[in-house]
Protein backbone atom coordinates (compact mmCIF):
# COMPACT_ATOMS: atom_id res chain seq x y z
CA UNK A 1 94.49 97.15 109.77
CA UNK A 2 92.50 99.51 112.00
CA UNK A 3 95.57 101.74 112.45
CA UNK A 4 96.07 102.31 108.73
CA UNK A 5 95.10 105.75 107.46
CA UNK A 6 93.00 106.44 104.40
CA UNK A 7 96.16 107.66 102.65
CA UNK A 8 97.45 104.06 102.58
CA UNK A 9 94.31 102.78 100.86
CA UNK A 10 94.23 105.76 98.51
CA UNK A 11 97.79 105.01 97.42
CA UNK A 12 96.98 101.30 96.99
CA UNK A 13 94.01 102.18 94.78
CA UNK A 14 96.10 104.59 92.70
CA UNK A 15 98.78 101.91 92.11
CA UNK A 16 96.06 99.40 91.22
CA UNK A 17 94.59 101.77 88.62
CA UNK A 18 97.84 103.21 87.26
CA UNK A 19 99.87 99.98 87.17
CA UNK A 20 103.09 101.45 88.54
CA UNK A 21 104.48 103.24 91.59
CA UNK A 22 105.74 106.19 89.56
CA UNK A 23 102.43 106.77 87.74
CA UNK A 24 100.50 106.53 91.02
CA UNK A 25 102.94 108.99 92.60
CA UNK A 26 102.38 111.51 89.81
CA UNK A 27 98.60 111.25 90.24
CA UNK A 28 98.80 111.72 94.00
CA UNK A 29 101.65 114.22 94.12
CA UNK A 30 103.82 111.78 96.12
CA UNK A 31 107.40 110.64 95.68
CA UNK A 32 107.82 107.08 94.39
CA UNK A 33 109.51 105.87 97.62
CA UNK A 34 106.53 107.15 99.61
CA UNK A 35 104.15 105.23 97.36
CA UNK A 36 106.28 102.12 97.85
CA UNK A 37 106.23 102.51 101.63
CA UNK A 38 102.43 102.82 101.61
CA UNK A 39 102.06 99.61 99.60
CA UNK A 40 104.53 97.80 101.86
CA UNK A 41 102.64 98.95 104.97
CA UNK A 42 99.39 97.54 103.62
CA UNK A 43 101.07 94.28 102.60
CA UNK A 44 102.51 93.90 106.10
CA UNK A 45 99.12 94.63 107.65
CA UNK A 46 97.28 91.95 105.65
CA UNK A 47 100.16 89.47 105.48
CA UNK A 48 99.99 89.01 101.69
CA UNK A 49 101.75 90.54 98.67
CA UNK A 50 99.56 92.90 96.67
CA UNK A 51 101.47 93.20 93.39
CA UNK A 52 103.86 91.22 91.23
CA UNK A 53 106.23 92.78 88.73
CA UNK A 54 105.94 92.09 85.01
CA UNK A 55 106.91 93.67 81.71
CA UNK A 56 103.47 95.31 81.70
CA UNK A 57 104.06 96.90 85.12
CA UNK A 58 102.69 95.91 88.52
CA UNK A 59 100.06 93.19 88.30
CA UNK A 60 97.56 92.87 91.19
CA UNK A 61 97.48 89.64 93.15
CA UNK A 62 94.30 87.88 94.32
CA UNK A 63 94.67 89.71 97.66
CA UNK A 64 94.71 93.07 95.85
CA UNK A 65 91.63 92.17 93.84
CA UNK A 66 89.85 91.16 97.04
CA UNK A 67 90.68 94.53 98.64
CA UNK A 68 89.81 96.60 95.56
CA UNK A 69 86.01 96.97 96.03
CA UNK A 70 86.47 98.02 99.65
CA UNK A 71 89.14 100.57 98.74
CA UNK A 72 86.86 101.94 95.99
CA UNK A 73 84.01 102.23 98.48
CA UNK A 74 86.30 104.10 100.87
CA UNK A 75 87.29 106.43 98.01
CA UNK A 76 83.66 107.11 97.11
CA UNK A 77 82.74 107.74 100.75
CA UNK A 78 85.70 110.06 101.27
CA UNK A 79 84.87 112.00 98.10
CA UNK A 80 81.24 112.31 99.22
CA UNK A 81 82.33 113.61 102.63
CA UNK A 82 84.58 116.17 100.94
CA UNK A 83 81.68 117.33 98.77
CA UNK A 84 79.45 117.69 101.83
CA UNK A 85 82.14 119.69 103.62
CA UNK A 86 82.84 121.86 100.57
CA UNK A 87 80.00 124.29 101.16
CA UNK A 88 77.50 125.78 103.54
CA UNK A 89 74.76 123.18 104.00
CA UNK A 90 72.17 125.96 104.29
CA UNK A 91 73.27 127.72 101.09
CA UNK A 92 73.46 126.81 97.42
CA UNK A 93 77.24 126.46 97.38
CA UNK A 94 79.81 123.70 97.31
CA UNK A 95 80.26 120.66 95.09
CA UNK A 96 77.67 118.43 93.44
CA UNK A 97 78.77 115.37 91.45
CA UNK A 98 76.51 114.39 88.53
CA UNK A 99 76.59 111.12 86.60
CA UNK A 100 75.34 110.82 83.02
CA UNK A 101 76.02 108.99 79.77
CA UNK A 102 78.60 110.51 77.46
CA UNK A 103 76.03 111.69 74.90
CA UNK A 104 73.75 113.27 77.50
CA UNK A 105 76.71 114.84 79.28
CA UNK A 106 78.17 116.38 76.13
CA UNK A 107 75.11 117.08 73.97
CA UNK A 108 72.28 117.83 76.42
CA UNK A 109 73.47 118.87 79.87
CA UNK A 110 75.90 121.78 79.16
CA UNK A 111 73.23 124.51 78.68
CA UNK A 112 71.25 123.16 81.63
CA UNK A 113 74.29 123.24 83.90
CA UNK A 114 75.47 126.60 82.58
CA UNK A 115 72.12 128.17 83.46
CA UNK A 116 72.26 126.53 86.89
CA UNK A 117 75.69 127.99 87.67
CA UNK A 118 74.63 131.36 86.30
CA UNK A 119 71.84 131.36 88.89
CA UNK A 120 74.08 129.97 91.65
CA UNK A 121 77.70 131.09 91.06
CA UNK A 122 78.97 129.44 94.27
CA UNK A 123 77.87 126.01 93.04
CA UNK A 124 80.70 123.73 91.83
CA UNK A 125 79.78 120.86 89.50
CA UNK A 126 81.59 117.60 88.77
CA UNK A 127 80.36 115.66 85.74
CA UNK A 128 81.12 111.94 85.54
CA UNK A 129 80.47 110.61 82.03
CA UNK A 130 79.83 106.89 81.88
CA UNK A 131 77.23 104.47 80.64
CA UNK A 132 77.77 102.40 83.79
CA UNK A 133 75.13 102.69 86.51
CA UNK A 134 77.17 104.44 89.16
CA UNK A 135 76.07 103.71 92.70
CA UNK A 136 73.95 106.48 94.21
CA UNK A 137 73.68 104.72 97.56
CA UNK A 138 77.46 104.63 97.99
CA UNK A 139 77.63 108.24 96.73
CA UNK A 140 79.88 107.59 93.74
CA UNK A 141 77.73 110.37 92.31
CA UNK A 142 75.19 112.61 94.06
CA UNK A 143 72.66 112.84 91.22
CA UNK A 144 72.39 110.67 88.12
CA UNK A 145 70.66 110.96 84.75
CA UNK A 146 69.98 107.34 83.88
CA UNK A 147 68.73 105.38 80.90
CA UNK A 148 67.71 102.44 83.08
CA UNK A 149 65.12 102.47 85.83
CA UNK A 150 66.82 102.88 89.25
CA UNK A 151 66.10 99.76 91.28
CA UNK A 152 67.66 100.83 94.58
CA UNK A 153 65.63 101.86 97.59
CA UNK A 154 66.20 105.17 99.41
CA UNK A 155 66.30 107.15 96.17
CA UNK A 156 64.35 110.20 95.00
CA UNK A 157 63.48 109.42 91.38
CA UNK A 158 61.81 111.50 88.68
CA UNK A 159 60.86 109.85 85.40
CA UNK A 160 61.63 112.12 82.45
CA UNK A 161 59.96 109.94 79.84
CA UNK A 162 61.08 108.40 76.58
CA UNK A 163 63.74 110.06 74.44
CA UNK A 164 63.07 108.76 70.91
CA UNK A 165 65.93 107.26 68.92
CA UNK A 166 65.98 106.90 65.16
CA UNK A 167 68.25 105.81 62.33
CA UNK A 168 70.34 108.63 60.84
CA UNK A 169 73.02 109.22 58.27
CA UNK A 170 74.84 112.28 56.96
CA UNK A 171 73.52 113.78 53.75
CA UNK A 172 76.89 113.15 52.06
CA UNK A 173 76.81 109.42 52.85
CA UNK A 174 73.30 109.07 51.42
CA UNK A 175 74.18 110.99 48.24
CA UNK A 176 76.96 108.48 47.57
CA UNK A 177 75.36 105.26 48.82
CA UNK A 178 71.65 105.84 48.37
CA UNK A 179 68.79 105.72 50.87
CA UNK A 180 67.57 102.30 52.08
CA UNK A 181 63.86 101.78 51.46
CA UNK A 182 63.42 98.97 54.03
CA UNK A 183 65.09 97.54 57.12
CA UNK A 184 66.23 94.59 55.02
CA UNK A 185 68.25 96.93 52.81
CA UNK A 186 70.33 98.07 55.81
CA UNK A 187 72.54 95.03 55.18
CA UNK A 188 73.75 96.76 52.00
CA UNK A 189 74.98 99.79 53.96
CA UNK A 190 77.76 100.64 56.37
CA UNK A 191 76.32 100.47 59.88
CA UNK A 192 77.65 102.16 63.00
CA UNK A 193 77.14 100.38 66.31
CA UNK A 194 78.47 98.80 69.49
CA UNK A 195 81.76 97.02 69.99
CA UNK A 196 80.73 94.82 72.95
CA UNK A 197 77.38 93.40 73.94
CA UNK A 198 76.95 94.61 77.52
CA UNK A 199 73.90 93.72 79.60
CA UNK A 200 72.40 97.14 78.81
CA UNK A 201 73.02 96.68 75.07
CA UNK A 202 71.45 93.22 75.08
CA UNK A 203 68.39 94.47 76.97
CA UNK A 204 68.02 97.41 74.58
CA UNK A 205 68.40 95.12 71.57
CA UNK A 206 65.70 92.81 72.94
CA UNK A 207 63.29 95.74 73.36
CA UNK A 208 64.25 97.04 69.93
CA UNK A 209 63.44 93.67 68.36
CA UNK A 210 60.05 93.64 70.09
CA UNK A 211 59.21 97.13 68.79
CA UNK A 212 60.62 96.57 65.30
CA UNK A 213 60.52 92.80 64.52
CA UNK A 214 62.09 93.32 61.10
CA UNK A 215 65.16 95.04 62.57
CA UNK A 216 68.11 92.60 62.48
CA UNK A 217 69.34 91.05 65.73
CA UNK A 218 72.77 91.91 67.13
CA UNK A 219 74.14 88.61 65.84
CA UNK A 220 72.91 89.36 62.31
CA UNK A 221 74.30 92.87 62.03
CA UNK A 222 77.68 93.34 60.36
CA UNK A 223 78.90 96.59 61.89
CA UNK A 224 81.27 98.55 59.67
CA UNK A 225 82.18 100.94 62.49
CA UNK A 226 82.17 99.78 66.12
CA UNK A 227 82.62 101.70 69.35
CA UNK A 228 81.41 101.30 72.94
CA UNK A 229 81.19 105.10 73.15
CA UNK A 230 77.85 106.48 72.03
CA UNK A 231 79.60 109.81 71.58
CA UNK A 232 82.08 108.22 69.17
CA UNK A 233 79.20 106.63 67.26
CA UNK A 234 77.51 110.02 66.98
CA UNK A 235 80.73 111.56 65.69
CA UNK A 236 80.96 108.80 63.07
CA UNK A 237 77.39 109.49 61.90
CA UNK A 238 78.17 113.19 61.61
CA UNK A 239 81.35 112.41 59.67
CA UNK A 240 79.44 110.36 57.08
CA UNK A 241 80.84 106.97 58.06
CA UNK A 242 77.49 105.23 57.76
CA UNK A 243 74.04 104.77 59.29
CA UNK A 244 73.64 104.75 63.06
CA UNK A 245 71.23 105.35 65.90
CA UNK A 246 70.82 108.88 67.27
CA UNK A 247 68.45 110.75 69.56
CA UNK A 248 65.93 112.73 67.52
CA UNK A 249 66.46 115.80 69.70
CA UNK A 250 70.20 115.84 68.92
CA UNK A 251 69.83 115.03 65.22
CA UNK A 252 67.37 117.88 64.66
CA UNK A 253 70.13 120.38 65.43
CA UNK A 254 72.17 119.29 62.41
CA UNK A 255 70.56 120.03 59.02
CA UNK A 256 72.97 117.60 57.32
CA UNK A 257 71.66 114.59 59.26
CA UNK A 258 68.84 112.74 57.52
CA UNK A 259 66.49 110.36 59.26
CA UNK A 260 66.26 106.88 57.72
CA UNK A 261 63.08 104.75 57.70
CA UNK A 262 61.14 106.80 60.29
CA UNK A 263 58.01 104.66 59.86
CA UNK A 264 59.92 101.40 60.35
CA UNK A 265 62.20 102.26 63.27
CA UNK A 266 61.83 104.41 66.38
CA UNK A 267 63.11 103.32 69.77
CA UNK A 268 62.06 105.01 73.05
CA UNK A 269 64.94 105.46 75.49
CA UNK A 270 63.38 105.74 78.95
CA UNK A 271 65.13 108.31 81.12
CA UNK A 272 65.17 109.14 84.85
CA UNK A 273 66.87 111.60 87.20
CA UNK A 274 67.70 110.15 90.63
CA UNK A 275 69.48 111.06 93.86
CA UNK A 276 69.77 109.70 97.41
CA UNK A 277 66.80 110.71 99.53
CA UNK A 278 69.10 112.04 102.29
CA UNK A 279 70.21 114.85 99.96
CA UNK A 280 66.81 116.36 99.20
CA UNK A 281 66.82 118.61 102.29
CA UNK A 282 70.09 120.29 101.25
CA UNK A 283 69.66 123.36 98.99
CA UNK A 284 72.56 122.67 96.63
CA UNK A 285 71.49 119.14 95.79
CA UNK A 286 67.80 120.03 95.64
CA UNK A 287 68.26 122.92 93.20
CA UNK A 288 70.60 120.82 91.05
CA UNK A 289 68.12 117.92 91.00
CA UNK A 290 65.27 120.30 90.11
CA UNK A 291 67.32 121.97 87.37
CA UNK A 292 68.21 118.61 85.82
CA UNK A 293 64.59 117.45 85.92
CA UNK A 294 63.31 120.70 84.38
CA UNK A 295 66.01 120.80 81.74
CA UNK A 296 65.64 117.15 80.76
CA UNK A 297 61.83 117.49 80.59
CA UNK A 298 62.21 120.52 78.29
CA UNK A 299 64.63 118.54 76.11
CA UNK A 300 62.29 115.52 76.00
CA UNK A 301 59.29 117.68 75.06
CA UNK A 302 61.25 119.45 72.31
C-alpha cells in the first residue's frame, strides 16, 4: 500500500464517483484500460475487490466504502497543496478556494469577489457551492461563509451577524391568490420549501418555531413545491409558484417580490466567515478573508 501513488487513489475516487471506468477516464483524461489497471492495482494491494458490475454500472463494495473517506481526505490534501504551490506565498497571487451556500454564492458574493479580483488580478478564486459544512481543518475549502457556528478549533472566525429571512411571494401570485392575513391562512396557499429534513433544516425549524410559535411545524406544512436547493426555491418564488422564505437583502432588489406577514414572521440567519488559523499569515488568504468579512458585513447592514 505504501508504494501506491496518489494517481491510483485519485482514479479509484473518480470511479467511485462516476460509476464507470469510461466516465472516470473522461474526467481524468485517461484511457479506460489505464483506469482499469489502477483499480486492479489497488485491489491487489488491499486483497479485496472494490467494485461489482451491475446494470447501473460499477457498484462499490464494503472495502471501497471503507477506503472512500481516506481517499477523499487525500484528494482534499492534494488540492490544498496545489493551491499553496500555485502562487508566491509573499504576494497576493495564486488560488483560494471559498465555500458558501448556493444562495450566498450566486446572489451575494459575485460583486464582492469581482472587486477583490479587480484589486488583485493575480488572485485565482474557486467557489464551492454547497449547504454542507465543508471541512476547513482538512482544507476542503480555504475560507467558508457559513450559516452555522464553526465548532472546530484552530479556526479564525468572524461573526457577520444575523441575515433576516422573511416570507415572500411574487406580485402576480398574490394578485391571483390573495394575501394571507395570518400564519394560519398559509395553509390555503401554495408553499415553497425543503424536500428533505436535514439536521440543519430541523435545527432551523426548531428555532423558527421558538421565534414564531404560530408558524406551522415541518410535519404540518404541505409543501406545494419542494427542493433541497435554496437557489431553486428562490427561483420558484420569483416565478410566482407560491410563498417561500427569502433573505430580506435579496428580496429588496426585486420590486415584484412582496413581503408576507412581516409582523408575524422574521427569522435571523446567523452568519460567519471562517478559515484555518495557519492561513492568516499568507497575503492571498488574508486579503480574501478580509474582503469576504467586509463585503458580508456591508450586505448584512444594508
